[in-house]
């Protein structure tokens, strides 16, 4: 079955504080706004593409942002795939744990695009 997918690249939503840390609230507000344009049917899903994100950003915080987006009331029933950047943070044990096993969560981290698309299509 075809899947309606909204690809949101990092530059559309990632905002940082003056000291370079992720501004989670500002980023979430931009994400909710970007995601609000997806179709209202339940086969609509979101892919957050972080492959070109600043390597200094905290990948775990970005994944947590994806989880918060998936839990937002306007997006109930949709899946959010977080495509992690390939950098030194990708080797973190915590990110590997998130990639390996988010179970039935509506948000999951992925190291590869094919895996992310397969999961989104399996809803």
PDB file of N, CA and C in Angstrom:
ATOM      1  N   UNK A   1       0.843  -1.173   0.000  1.00  0.00           N
ATOM      2  CA  UNK A   1       0.000   0.000   0.000  1.00  0.00           C
ATOM      3  C   UNK A   1       0.894   1.243   0.000  1.00  0.00           C
ATOM      4  N   UNK A   2       0.557   2.236  -0.821  1.00  0.00           N
ATOM      5  CA  UNK A   2       1.354   3.468  -0.850  1.00  0.00           C
ATOM      6  C   UNK A   2       1.292   4.200   0.499  1.00  0.00           C
ATOM      7  N   UNK A   3       2.373   4.821   0.818  1.00  0.00           N
ATOM      8  CA  UNK A   3       2.458   5.568   2.071  1.00  0.00           C
ATOM      9  C   UNK A   3       2.638   7.039   1.740  1.00  0.00           C
ATOM     10  N   UNK A   4       1.834   7.887   2.373  1.00  0.00           N
ATOM     11  CA  UNK A   4       1.997   9.325   2.232  1.00  0.00           C
ATOM     12  C   UNK A   4       3.084   9.735   3.216  1.00  0.00           C
ATOM     13  N   UNK A   5       4.148  10.298   2.709  1.00  0.00           N
ATOM     14  CA  UNK A   5       5.309  10.591   3.532  1.00  0.00           C
ATOM     15  C   UNK A   5       5.667  12.060   3.434  1.00  0.00           C
ATOM     16  N   UNK A   6       5.934  12.674   4.577  1.00  0.00           N
ATOM     17  CA  UNK A   6       6.406  14.056   4.617  1.00  0.00           C
ATOM     18  C   UNK A   6       7.845  14.014   5.085  1.00  0.00           C
ATOM     19  N   UNK A   7       8.762  14.329   4.178  1.00  0.00           N
ATOM     20  CA  UNK A   7      10.186  14.390   4.499  1.00  0.00           C
ATOM     21  C   UNK A   7      10.491  15.792   5.008  1.00  0.00           C
ATOM     22  N   UNK A   8      11.051  15.865   6.207  1.00  0.00           N
ATOM     23  CA  UNK A   8      11.388  17.162   6.796  1.00  0.00           C
ATOM     24  C   UNK A   8      12.895  17.171   7.077  1.00  0.00           C
ATOM     25  N   UNK A   9      13.662  17.895   6.253  1.00  0.00           N
ATOM     26  CA  UNK A   9      15.104  17.962   6.491  1.00  0.00           C
ATOM     27  C   UNK A   9      15.433  18.824   7.706  1.00  0.00           C
ATOM     28  N   UNK A  10      16.570  18.564   8.289  1.00  0.00           N
ATOM     29  CA  UNK A  10      16.979  19.246   9.524  1.00  0.00           C
ATOM     30  C   UNK A  10      16.941  20.764   9.401  1.00  0.00           C
ATOM     31  N   UNK A  11      17.342  21.314   8.263  1.00  0.00           N
ATOM     32  CA  UNK A  11      17.410  22.778   8.141  1.00  0.00           C
ATOM     33  C   UNK A  11      16.038  23.448   8.239  1.00  0.00           C
ATOM     34  N   UNK A  12      14.962  22.673   8.075  1.00  0.00           N
ATOM     35  CA  UNK A  12      13.615  23.249   8.187  1.00  0.00           C
ATOM     36  C   UNK A  12      13.134  23.384   9.628  1.00  0.00           C
ATOM     37  N   UNK A  13      13.773  22.694  10.563  1.00  0.00           N
ATOM     38  CA  UNK A  13      13.239  22.740  11.925  1.00  0.00           C
ATOM     39  C   UNK A  13      14.268  22.879  13.037  1.00  0.00           C
ATOM     40  N   UNK A  14      15.500  22.514  12.809  1.00  0.00           N
ATOM     41  CA  UNK A  14      16.484  22.561  13.889  1.00  0.00           C
ATOM     42  C   UNK A  14      16.838  24.005  14.193  1.00  0.00           C
ATOM     43  N   UNK A  15      16.629  24.402  15.427  1.00  0.00           N
ATOM     44  CA  UNK A  15      17.011  25.723  15.910  1.00  0.00           C
ATOM     45  C   UNK A  15      17.869  25.538  17.155  1.00  0.00           C
ATOM     46  N   UNK A  16      18.848  26.411  17.298  1.00  0.00           N
ATOM     47  CA  UNK A  16      19.779  26.307  18.416  1.00  0.00           C
ATOM     48  C   UNK A  16      19.761  27.567  19.260  1.00  0.00           C
ATOM     49  N   UNK A  17      20.197  27.405  20.484  1.00  0.00           N
ATOM     50  CA  UNK A  17      20.346  28.539  21.388  1.00  0.00           C
ATOM     51  C   UNK A  17      21.630  29.271  21.027  1.00  0.00           C
ATOM     52  N   UNK A  18      21.881  30.390  21.674  1.00  0.00           N
ATOM     53  CA  UNK A  18      23.092  31.168  21.398  1.00  0.00           C
ATOM     54  C   UNK A  18      24.364  30.378  21.658  1.00  0.00           C
ATOM     55  N   UNK A  19      24.314  29.427  22.604  1.00  0.00           N
ATOM     56  CA  UNK A  19      25.510  28.639  22.904  1.00  0.00           C
ATOM     57  C   UNK A  19      25.634  27.385  22.047  1.00  0.00           C
ATOM     58  N   UNK A  20      24.739  27.215  21.065  1.00  0.00           N
ATOM     59  CA  UNK A  20      24.846  26.104  20.128  1.00  0.00           C
ATOM     60  C   UNK A  20      24.084  24.852  20.496  1.00  0.00           C
ATOM     61  N   UNK A  21      23.417  24.842  21.637  1.00  0.00           N
ATOM     62  CA  UNK A  21      22.633  23.679  22.041  1.00  0.00           C
ATOM     63  C   UNK A  21      21.291  23.674  21.301  1.00  0.00           C
ATOM     64  N   UNK A  22      20.707  22.509  21.158  1.00  0.00           N
ATOM     65  CA  UNK A  22      19.413  22.391  20.503  1.00  0.00           C
ATOM     66  C   UNK A  22      18.353  23.145  21.302  1.00  0.00           C
ATOM     67  N   UNK A  23      17.606  24.002  20.638  1.00  0.00           N
ATOM     68  CA  UNK A  23      16.466  24.678  21.254  1.00  0.00           C
ATOM     69  C   UNK A  23      15.247  23.794  20.977  1.00  0.00           C
ATOM     70  N   UNK A  24      14.960  22.898  21.901  1.00  0.00           N
ATOM     71  CA  UNK A  24      13.926  21.884  21.692  1.00  0.00           C
ATOM     72  C   UNK A  24      12.541  22.491  21.497  1.00  0.00           C
ATOM     73  N   UNK A  25      12.217  23.517  22.244  1.00  0.00           N
ATOM     74  CA  UNK A  25      10.879  24.101  22.138  1.00  0.00           C
ATOM     75  C   UNK A  25      10.669  24.801  20.791  1.00  0.00           C
ATOM     76  N   UNK A  26      11.639  25.589  20.365  1.00  0.00           N
ATOM     77  CA  UNK A  26      11.525  26.276  19.078  1.00  0.00           C
ATOM     78  C   UNK A  26      11.518  25.264  17.936  1.00  0.00           C
ATOM     79  N   UNK A  27      12.348  24.233  18.044  1.00  0.00           N
ATOM     80  CA  UNK A  27      12.408  23.206  17.010  1.00  0.00           C
ATOM     81  C   UNK A  27      11.104  22.423  16.936  1.00  0.00           C
ATOM     82  N   UNK A  28      10.541  22.086  18.079  1.00  0.00           N
ATOM     83  CA  UNK A  28       9.270  21.354  18.103  1.00  0.00           C
ATOM     84  C   UNK A  28       8.155  22.183  17.486  1.00  0.00           C
ATOM     85  N   UNK A  29       8.119  23.474  17.791  1.00  0.00           N
ATOM     86  CA  UNK A  29       7.081  24.344  17.215  1.00  0.00           C
ATOM     87  C   UNK A  29       7.185  24.371  15.687  1.00  0.00           C
ATOM     88  N   UNK A  30       8.401  24.437  15.168  1.00  0.00           N
ATOM     89  CA  UNK A  30       8.592  24.417  13.713  1.00  0.00           C
ATOM     90  C   UNK A  30       8.203  23.060  13.129  1.00  0.00           C
ATOM     91  N   UNK A  31       8.525  21.992  13.831  1.00  0.00           N
ATOM     92  CA  UNK A  31       8.163  20.660  13.366  1.00  0.00           C
ATOM     93  C   UNK A  31       6.654  20.472  13.304  1.00  0.00           C
ATOM     94  N   UNK A  32       5.958  20.894  14.343  1.00  0.00           N
ATOM     95  CA  UNK A  32       4.504  20.766  14.362  1.00  0.00           C
ATOM     96  C   UNK A  32       3.901  21.554  13.206  1.00  0.00           C
ATOM     97  N   UNK A  33       4.432  22.736  12.949  1.00  0.00           N
ATOM     98  CA  UNK A  33       3.948  23.534  11.830  1.00  0.00           C
ATOM     99  C   UNK A  33       4.200  22.853  10.492  1.00  0.00           C
ATOM    100  N   UNK A  34       5.385  22.289  10.322  1.00  0.00           N
ATOM    101  CA  UNK A  34       5.718  21.601   9.072  1.00  0.00           C
ATOM    102  C   UNK A  34       4.880  20.344   8.898  1.00  0.00           C
ATOM    103  N   UNK A  35       4.647  19.636   9.988  1.00  0.00           N
ATOM    104  CA  UNK A  35       3.886  18.383   9.924  1.00  0.00           C
ATOM    105  C   UNK A  35       2.401  18.626   9.758  1.00  0.00           C
ATOM    106  N   UNK A  36       1.929  19.800  10.084  1.00  0.00           N
ATOM    107  CA  UNK A  36       0.490  20.061   9.994  1.00  0.00           C
ATOM    108  C   UNK A  36      -0.002  20.040   8.556  1.00  0.00           C
ATOM    109  N   UNK A  37       0.902  20.151   7.601  1.00  0.00           N
ATOM    110  CA  UNK A  37       0.517  20.147   6.204  1.00  0.00           C
ATOM    111  C   UNK A  37       0.326  18.763   5.604  1.00  0.00           C
ATOM    112  N   UNK A  38       0.572  17.696   6.375  1.00  0.00           N
ATOM    113  CA  UNK A  38       0.405  16.365   5.812  1.00  0.00           C
ATOM    114  C   UNK A  38      -1.065  16.005   5.732  1.00  0.00           C
ATOM    115  N   UNK A  39      -1.367  15.041   4.892  1.00  0.00           N
ATOM    116  CA  UNK A  39      -2.754  14.614   4.725  1.00  0.00           C
ATOM    117  C   UNK A  39      -3.342  14.127   6.037  1.00  0.00           C
ATOM    118  N   UNK A  40      -4.636  14.252   6.161  1.00  0.00           N
ATOM    119  CA  UNK A  40      -5.291  13.897   7.411  1.00  0.00           C
ATOM    120  C   UNK A  40      -5.509  12.402   7.562  1.00  0.00           C
ATOM    121  N   UNK A  41      -5.310  11.620   6.509  1.00  0.00           N
ATOM    122  CA  UNK A  41      -5.522  10.177   6.670  1.00  0.00           C
ATOM    123  C   UNK A  41      -4.414   9.580   7.523  1.00  0.00           C
ATOM    124  N   UNK A  42      -4.683   8.446   8.093  1.00  0.00           N
ATOM    125  CA  UNK A  42      -3.745   7.832   9.045  1.00  0.00           C
ATOM    126  C   UNK A  42      -2.563   7.137   8.378  1.00  0.00           C
ATOM    127  N   UNK A  43      -2.504   7.108   7.039  1.00  0.00           N
ATOM    128  CA  UNK A  43      -1.349   6.500   6.383  1.00  0.00           C
ATOM    129  C   UNK A  43      -0.248   7.531   6.146  1.00  0.00           C
ATOM    130  N   UNK A  44      -0.430   8.733   6.647  1.00  0.00           N
ATOM    131  CA  UNK A  44       0.577   9.781   6.508  1.00  0.00           C
ATOM    132  C   UNK A  44       1.615   9.643   7.615  1.00  0.00           C
ATOM    133  N   UNK A  45       2.875   9.644   7.229  1.00  0.00           N
ATOM    134  CA  UNK A  45       3.957   9.511   8.199  1.00  0.00           C
ATOM    135  C   UNK A  45       5.028  10.559   7.928  1.00  0.00           C
ATOM    136  N   UNK A  46       5.967  10.661   8.851  1.00  0.00           N
ATOM    137  CA  UNK A  46       6.979  11.715   8.797  1.00  0.00           C
ATOM    138  C   UNK A  46       8.371  11.102   8.881  1.00  0.00           C
ATOM    139  N   UNK A  47       9.267  11.586   8.033  1.00  0.00           N
ATOM    140  CA  UNK A  47      10.663  11.195   8.076  1.00  0.00           C
ATOM    141  C   UNK A  47      11.484  12.443   8.377  1.00  0.00           C
ATOM    142  N   UNK A  48      12.108  12.471   9.539  1.00  0.00           N
ATOM    143  CA  UNK A  48      13.006  13.573   9.905  1.00  0.00           C
ATOM    144  C   UNK A  48      14.402  13.205   9.424  1.00  0.00           C
ATOM    145  N   UNK A  49      14.896  13.913   8.447  1.00  0.00           N
ATOM    146  CA  UNK A  49      16.182  13.606   7.841  1.00  0.00           C
ATOM    147  C   UNK A  49      17.273  14.443   8.498  1.00  0.00           C
ATOM    148  N   UNK A  50      18.044  13.804   9.352  1.00  0.00           N
ATOM    149  CA  UNK A  50      19.108  14.487  10.094  1.00  0.00           C
ATOM    150  C   UNK A  50      20.488  14.186   9.527  1.00  0.00           C
ATOM    151  N   UNK A  51      20.544  13.580   8.352  1.00  0.00           N
ATOM    152  CA  UNK A  51      21.842  13.184   7.797  1.00  0.00           C
ATOM    153  C   UNK A  51      22.761  14.370   7.561  1.00  0.00           C
ATOM    154  N   UNK A  52      22.208  15.559   7.320  1.00  0.00           N
ATOM    155  CA  UNK A  52      23.052  16.740   7.095  1.00  0.00           C
ATOM    156  C   UNK A  52      23.009  17.706   8.278  1.00  0.00           C
ATOM    157  N   UNK A  53      22.546  17.230   9.400  1.00  0.00           N
ATOM    158  CA  UNK A  53      22.500  18.082  10.593  1.00  0.00           C
ATOM    159  C   UNK A  53      23.920  18.383  11.064  1.00  0.00           C
ATOM    160  N   UNK A  54      24.064  19.489  11.759  1.00  0.00           N
ATOM    161  CA  UNK A  54      25.350  19.878  12.321  1.00  0.00           C
ATOM    162  C   UNK A  54      25.872  18.728  13.184  1.00  0.00           C
ATOM    163  N   UNK A  55      27.077  18.229  12.911  1.00  0.00           N
ATOM    164  CA  UNK A  55      27.601  17.107  13.686  1.00  0.00           C
ATOM    165  C   UNK A  55      27.796  17.412  15.160  1.00  0.00           C
ATOM    166  N   UNK A  56      27.767  18.676  15.531  1.00  0.00           N
ATOM    167  CA  UNK A  56      27.912  19.025  16.938  1.00  0.00           C
ATOM    168  C   UNK A  56      26.616  18.922  17.731  1.00  0.00           C
ATOM    169  N   UNK A  57      25.499  18.738  17.030  1.00  0.00           N
ATOM    170  CA  UNK A  57      24.218  18.638  17.730  1.00  0.00           C
ATOM    171  C   UNK A  57      24.078  17.289  18.412  1.00  0.00           C
ATOM    172  N   UNK A  58      23.365  17.273  19.494  1.00  0.00           N
ATOM    173  CA  UNK A  58      23.136  16.059  20.267  1.00  0.00           C
ATOM    174  C   UNK A  58      22.091  15.195  19.557  1.00  0.00           C
ATOM    175  N   UNK A  59      22.530  14.078  18.976  1.00  0.00           N
ATOM    176  CA  UNK A  59      21.643  13.201  18.221  1.00  0.00           C
ATOM    177  C   UNK A  59      20.553  12.632  19.111  1.00  0.00           C
ATOM    178  N   UNK A  60      20.872  12.349  20.358  1.00  0.00           N
ATOM    179  CA  UNK A  60      19.854  11.811  21.273  1.00  0.00           C
ATOM    180  C   UNK A  60      18.766  12.848  21.548  1.00  0.00           C
ATOM    181  N   UNK A  61      19.160  14.113  21.668  1.00  0.00           N
ATOM    182  CA  UNK A  61      18.165  15.171  21.866  1.00  0.00           C
ATOM    183  C   UNK A  61      17.292  15.322  20.627  1.00  0.00           C
ATOM    184  N   UNK A  62      17.875  15.156  19.438  1.00  0.00           N
ATOM    185  CA  UNK A  62      17.102  15.223  18.202  1.00  0.00           C
ATOM    186  C   UNK A  62      16.109  14.062  18.122  1.00  0.00           C
ATOM    187  N   UNK A  63      16.538  12.884  18.555  1.00  0.00           N
ATOM    188  CA  UNK A  63      15.611  11.746  18.573  1.00  0.00           C
ATOM    189  C   UNK A  63      14.484  11.993  19.559  1.00  0.00           C
ATOM    190  N   UNK A  64      14.807  12.542  20.715  1.00  0.00           N
ATOM    191  CA  UNK A  64      13.773  12.866  21.702  1.00  0.00           C
ATOM    192  C   UNK A  64      12.775  13.858  21.114  1.00  0.00           C
ATOM    193  N   UNK A  65      13.261  14.759  20.287  1.00  0.00           N
ATOM    194  CA  UNK A  65      12.386  15.705  19.609  1.00  0.00           C
ATOM    195  C   UNK A  65      11.416  14.952  18.691  1.00  0.00           C
ATOM    196  N   UNK A  66      11.916  13.950  17.984  1.00  0.00           N
ATOM    197  CA  UNK A  66      11.053  13.112  17.148  1.00  0.00           C
ATOM    198  C   UNK A  66       9.995  12.397  17.953  1.00  0.00           C
ATOM    199  N   UNK A  67      10.366  11.908  19.133  1.00  0.00           N
ATOM    200  CA  UNK A  67       9.391  11.257  20.014  1.00  0.00           C
ATOM    201  C   UNK A  67       8.316  12.239  20.471  1.00  0.00           C
ATOM    202  N   UNK A  68       8.731  13.453  20.798  1.00  0.00           N
ATOM    203  CA  UNK A  68       7.754  14.467  21.217  1.00  0.00           C
ATOM    204  C   UNK A  68       6.818  14.826  20.075  1.00  0.00           C
ATOM    205  N   UNK A  69       7.362  14.879  18.857  1.00  0.00           N
ATOM    206  CA  UNK A  69       6.522  15.159  17.702  1.00  0.00           C
ATOM    207  C   UNK A  69       5.494  14.047  17.512  1.00  0.00           C
ATOM    208  N   UNK A  70       5.914  12.802  17.616  1.00  0.00           N
ATOM    209  CA  UNK A  70       5.004  11.670  17.439  1.00  0.00           C
ATOM    210  C   UNK A  70       3.904  11.664  18.493  1.00  0.00           C
ATOM    211  N   UNK A  71       4.207  12.180  19.680  1.00  0.00           N
ATOM    212  CA  UNK A  71       3.224  12.201  20.763  1.00  0.00           C
ATOM    213  C   UNK A  71       2.292  13.407  20.683  1.00  0.00           C
ATOM    214  N   UNK A  72       2.574  14.344  19.778  1.00  0.00           N
ATOM    215  CA  UNK A  72       1.754  15.553  19.682  1.00  0.00           C
ATOM    216  C   UNK A  72       0.327  15.180  19.291  1.00  0.00           C
ATOM    217  N   UNK A  73      -0.641  15.838  19.884  1.00  0.00           N
ATOM    218  CA  UNK A  73      -2.057  15.495  19.679  1.00  0.00           C
ATOM    219  C   UNK A  73      -2.490  15.586  18.217  1.00  0.00           C
ATOM    220  N   UNK A  74      -1.878  16.447  17.436  1.00  0.00           N
ATOM    221  CA  UNK A  74      -2.277  16.592  16.031  1.00  0.00           C
ATOM    222  C   UNK A  74      -1.743  15.470  15.152  1.00  0.00           C
ATOM    223  N   UNK A  75      -0.861  14.640  15.698  1.00  0.00           N
ATOM    224  CA  UNK A  75      -0.228  13.595  14.892  1.00  0.00           C
ATOM    225  C   UNK A  75      -0.488  12.188  15.412  1.00  0.00           C
ATOM    226  N   UNK A  76      -1.476  12.006  16.233  1.00  0.00           N
ATOM    227  CA  UNK A  76      -1.776  10.672  16.769  1.00  0.00           C
ATOM    228  C   UNK A  76      -1.995   9.689  15.616  1.00  0.00           C
ATOM    229  N   UNK A  77      -1.429   8.506  15.752  1.00  0.00           N
ATOM    230  CA  UNK A  77      -1.595   7.471  14.758  1.00  0.00           C
ATOM    231  C   UNK A  77      -0.577   7.513  13.631  1.00  0.00           C
ATOM    232  N   UNK A  78       0.311   8.459  13.666  1.00  0.00           N
ATOM    233  CA  UNK A  78       1.329   8.554  12.627  1.00  0.00           C
ATOM    234  C   UNK A  78       2.675   8.096  13.176  1.00  0.00           C
ATOM    235  N   UNK A  79       3.504   7.650  12.292  1.00  0.00           N
ATOM    236  CA  UNK A  79       4.858   7.247  12.672  1.00  0.00           C
ATOM    237  C   UNK A  79       5.843   8.348  12.294  1.00  0.00           C
ATOM    238  N   UNK A  80       6.885   8.477  13.115  1.00  0.00           N
ATOM    239  CA  UNK A  80       7.956   9.434  12.854  1.00  0.00           C
ATOM    240  C   UNK A  80       9.268   8.656  12.829  1.00  0.00           C
ATOM    241  N   UNK A  81       9.894   8.603  11.671  1.00  0.00           N
ATOM    242  CA  UNK A  81      11.206   7.971  11.539  1.00  0.00           C
ATOM    243  C   UNK A  81      12.261   9.065  11.614  1.00  0.00           C
ATOM    244  N   UNK A  82      13.271   8.853  12.428  1.00  0.00           N
ATOM    245  CA  UNK A  82      14.368   9.800  12.589  1.00  0.00           C
ATOM    246  C   UNK A  82      15.596   9.180  11.931  1.00  0.00           C
ATOM    247  N   UNK A  83      16.010   9.747  10.815  1.00  0.00           N
ATOM    248  CA  UNK A  83      17.166   9.239  10.087  1.00  0.00           C
ATOM    249  C   UNK A  83      18.408   9.916  10.635  1.00  0.00           C
ATOM    250  N   UNK A  84      19.203   9.154  11.365  1.00  0.00           N
ATOM    251  CA  UNK A  84      20.349   9.691  12.097  1.00  0.00           C
ATOM    252  C   UNK A  84      21.502  10.034  11.161  1.00  0.00           C
ATOM    253  N   UNK A  85      22.259  11.064  11.524  1.00  0.00           N
ATOM    254  CA  UNK A  85      23.430  11.413  10.719  1.00  0.00           C
ATOM    255  C   UNK A  85      24.536  10.385  10.889  1.00  0.00           C
ATOM    256  N   UNK A  86      25.344  10.212   9.873  1.00  0.00           N
ATOM    257  CA  UNK A  86      26.489   9.310   9.955  1.00  0.00           C
ATOM    258  C   UNK A  86      27.689  10.120  10.427  1.00  0.00           C
ATOM    259  N   UNK A  87      27.883  10.127  11.724  1.00  0.00           N
ATOM    260  CA  UNK A  87      29.044  10.823  12.285  1.00  0.00           C
ATOM    261  C   UNK A  87      29.463  10.103  13.556  1.00  0.00           C
ATOM    262  N   UNK A  88      30.305  10.718  14.331  1.00  0.00           N
ATOM    263  CA  UNK A  88      30.810  10.040  15.529  1.00  0.00           C
ATOM    264  C   UNK A  88      29.701   9.715  16.531  1.00  0.00           C
ATOM    265  N   UNK A  89      28.602  10.480  16.511  1.00  0.00           N
ATOM    266  CA  UNK A  89      27.514  10.207  17.441  1.00  0.00           C
ATOM    267  C   UNK A  89      26.745   8.958  17.051  1.00  0.00           C
ATOM    268  N   UNK A  90      26.816   8.548  15.785  1.00  0.00           N
ATOM    269  CA  UNK A  90      26.096   7.371  15.329  1.00  0.00           C
ATOM    270  C   UNK A  90      26.616   6.110  16.011  1.00  0.00           C
ATOM    271  N   UNK A  91      27.847   6.168  16.490  1.00  0.00           N
ATOM    272  CA  UNK A  91      28.425   5.012  17.154  1.00  0.00           C
ATOM    273  C   UNK A  91      28.084   4.969  18.643  1.00  0.00           C
ATOM    274  N   UNK A  92      27.336   5.941  19.135  1.00  0.00           N
ATOM    275  CA  UNK A  92      27.016   5.964  20.554  1.00  0.00           C
ATOM    276  C   UNK A  92      26.157   4.760  20.930  1.00  0.00           C
ATOM    277  N   UNK A  93      26.463   4.117  22.042  1.00  0.00           N
ATOM    278  CA  UNK A  93      25.676   2.955  22.462  1.00  0.00           C
ATOM    279  C   UNK A  93      24.193   3.297  22.658  1.00  0.00           C
ATOM    280  N   UNK A  94      23.890   4.476  23.159  1.00  0.00           N
ATOM    281  CA  UNK A  94      22.497   4.861  23.385  1.00  0.00           C
ATOM    282  C   UNK A  94      21.745   5.008  22.056  1.00  0.00           C
ATOM    283  N   UNK A  95      22.379   5.613  21.044  1.00  0.00           N
ATOM    284  CA  UNK A  95      21.735   5.727  19.749  1.00  0.00           C
ATOM    285  C   UNK A  95      21.569   4.346  19.124  1.00  0.00           C
ATOM    286  N   UNK A  96      22.565   3.486  19.264  1.00  0.00           N
ATOM    287  CA  UNK A  96      22.450   2.125  18.739  1.00  0.00           C
ATOM    288  C   UNK A  96      21.273   1.404  19.384  1.00  0.00           C
ATOM    289  N   UNK A  97      21.077   1.628  20.673  1.00  0.00           N
ATOM    290  CA  UNK A  97      19.939   1.032  21.387  1.00  0.00           C
ATOM    291  C   UNK A  97      18.618   1.567  20.819  1.00  0.00           C
ATOM    292  N   UNK A  98      18.553   2.858  20.557  1.00  0.00           N
ATOM    293  CA  UNK A  98      17.338   3.437  19.983  1.00  0.00           C
ATOM    294  C   UNK A  98      17.075   2.881  18.589  1.00  0.00           C
ATOM    295  N   UNK A  99      18.136   2.753  17.791  1.00  0.00           N
ATOM    296  CA  UNK A  99      17.985   2.232  16.433  1.00  0.00           C
ATOM    297  C   UNK A  99      17.548   0.775  16.482  1.00  0.00           C
ATOM    298  N   UNK A 100      18.098   0.019  17.419  1.00  0.00           N
ATOM    299  CA  UNK A 100      17.827  -1.413  17.462  1.00  0.00           C
ATOM    300  C   UNK A 100      16.459  -1.760  17.998  1.00  0.00           C
ATOM    301  N   UNK A 101      15.921  -0.962  18.899  1.00  0.00           N
ATOM    302  CA  UNK A 101      14.738  -1.508  19.506  1.00  0.00           C
ATOM    303  C   UNK A 101      13.675  -0.619  20.050  1.00  0.00           C
ATOM    304  N   UNK A 102      13.173   0.322  19.402  1.00  0.00           N
ATOM    305  CA  UNK A 102      12.146   1.175  19.991  1.00  0.00           C
ATOM    306  C   UNK A 102      10.809   0.466  20.143  1.00  0.00           C
ATOM    307  N   UNK A 103      10.736  -0.804  19.743  1.00  0.00           N
ATOM    308  CA  UNK A 103       9.510  -1.569  19.961  1.00  0.00           C
ATOM    309  C   UNK A 103       8.320  -0.993  19.234  1.00  0.00           C
ATOM    310  N   UNK A 104       7.267  -0.730  19.980  1.00  0.00           N
ATOM    311  CA  UNK A 104       6.031  -0.236  19.384  1.00  0.00           C
ATOM    312  C   UNK A 104       5.913   1.276  19.451  1.00  0.00           C
ATOM    313  N   UNK A 105       6.991   1.951  19.684  1.00  0.00           N
ATOM    314  CA  UNK A 105       6.963   3.407  19.746  1.00  0.00           C
ATOM    315  C   UNK A 105       6.549   3.982  18.398  1.00  0.00           C
ATOM    316  N   UNK A 106       5.927   5.147  18.430  1.00  0.00           N
ATOM    317  CA  UNK A 106       5.531   5.829  17.191  1.00  0.00           C
ATOM    318  C   UNK A 106       6.706   6.571  16.571  1.00  0.00           C
ATOM    319  N   UNK A 107       7.845   6.619  17.270  1.00  0.00           N
ATOM    320  CA  UNK A 107       9.055   7.253  16.730  1.00  0.00           C
ATOM    321  C   UNK A 107      10.216   6.286  16.884  1.00  0.00           C
ATOM    322  N   UNK A 108      10.995   6.140  15.828  1.00  0.00           N
ATOM    323  CA  UNK A 108      12.176   5.283  15.875  1.00  0.00           C
ATOM    324  C   UNK A 108      13.321   5.948  15.141  1.00  0.00           C
ATOM    325  N   UNK A 109      14.524   5.672  15.601  1.00  0.00           N
ATOM    326  CA  UNK A 109      15.732   6.162  14.945  1.00  0.00           C
ATOM    327  C   UNK A 109      16.249   5.096  13.995  1.00  0.00           C
ATOM    328  N   UNK A 110      16.800   5.544  12.885  1.00  0.00           N
ATOM    329  CA  UNK A 110      17.354   4.630  11.891  1.00  0.00           C
ATOM    330  C   UNK A 110      18.695   5.144  11.410  1.00  0.00           C
ATOM    331  N   UNK A 111      19.583   4.199  11.093  1.00  0.00           N
ATOM    332  CA  UNK A 111      20.879   4.556  10.544  1.00  0.00           C
ATOM    333  C   UNK A 111      20.827   4.611   9.020  1.00  0.00           C
ATOM    334  N   UNK A 112      19.855   3.928   8.425  1.00  0.00           N
ATOM    335  CA  UNK A 112      19.766   3.884   6.970  1.00  0.00           C
ATOM    336  C   UNK A 112      18.388   4.233   6.445  1.00  0.00           C
ATOM    337  N   UNK A 113      18.354   4.842   5.267  1.00  0.00           N
ATOM    338  CA  UNK A 113      17.098   5.269   4.654  1.00  0.00           C
ATOM    339  C   UNK A 113      16.191   4.089   4.320  1.00  0.00           C
ATOM    340  N   UNK A 114      16.748   3.013   3.790  1.00  0.00           N
ATOM    341  CA  UNK A 114      15.924   1.867   3.405  1.00  0.00           C
ATOM    342  C   UNK A 114      15.171   1.290   4.605  1.00  0.00           C
ATOM    343  N   UNK A 115      15.854   1.176   5.722  1.00  0.00           N
ATOM    344  CA  UNK A 115      15.212   0.637   6.925  1.00  0.00           C
ATOM    345  C   UNK A 115      14.100   1.568   7.405  1.00  0.00           C
ATOM    346  N   UNK A 116      14.351   2.864   7.352  1.00  0.00           N
ATOM    347  CA  UNK A 116      13.354   3.831   7.790  1.00  0.00           C
ATOM    348  C   UNK A 116      12.103   3.751   6.908  1.00  0.00           C
ATOM    349  N   UNK A 117      12.303   3.686   5.597  1.00  0.00           N
ATOM    350  CA  UNK A 117      11.161   3.616   4.674  1.00  0.00           C
ATOM    351  C   UNK A 117      10.398   2.309   4.844  1.00  0.00           C
ATOM    352  N   UNK A 118      11.104   1.216   5.074  1.00  0.00           N
ATOM    353  CA  UNK A 118      10.428  -0.079   5.290  1.00  0.00           C
ATOM    354  C   UNK A 118       9.557  -0.016   6.532  1.00  0.00           C
ATOM    355  N   UNK A 119      10.068   0.589   7.617  1.00  0.00           N
ATOM    356  CA  UNK A 119       9.287   0.690   8.850  1.00  0.00           C
ATOM    357  C   UNK A 119       8.074   1.576   8.653  1.00  0.00           C
ATOM    358  N   UNK A 120       8.255   2.692   7.987  1.00  0.00           N
ATOM    359  CA  UNK A 120       7.123   3.606   7.729  1.00  0.00           C
ATOM    360  C   UNK A 120       6.077   2.917   6.853  1.00  0.00           C
ATOM    361  N   UNK A 121       6.492   2.126   5.899  1.00  0.00           N
ATOM    362  CA  UNK A 121       5.563   1.445   5.010  1.00  0.00           C
ATOM    363  C   UNK A 121       4.866   0.263   5.633  1.00  0.00           C
ATOM    364  N   UNK A 122       5.382  -0.209   6.769  1.00  0.00           N
ATOM    365  CA  UNK A 122       4.800  -1.381   7.428  1.00  0.00           C
ATOM    366  C   UNK A 122       3.710  -1.054   8.417  1.00  0.00           C
ATOM    367  N   UNK A 123       3.268   0.188   8.468  1.00  0.00           N
ATOM    368  CA  UNK A 123       2.249   0.587   9.458  1.00  0.00           C
ATOM    369  C   UNK A 123       0.920  -0.052   9.155  1.00  0.00           C
TER     370      UNK A 123
END
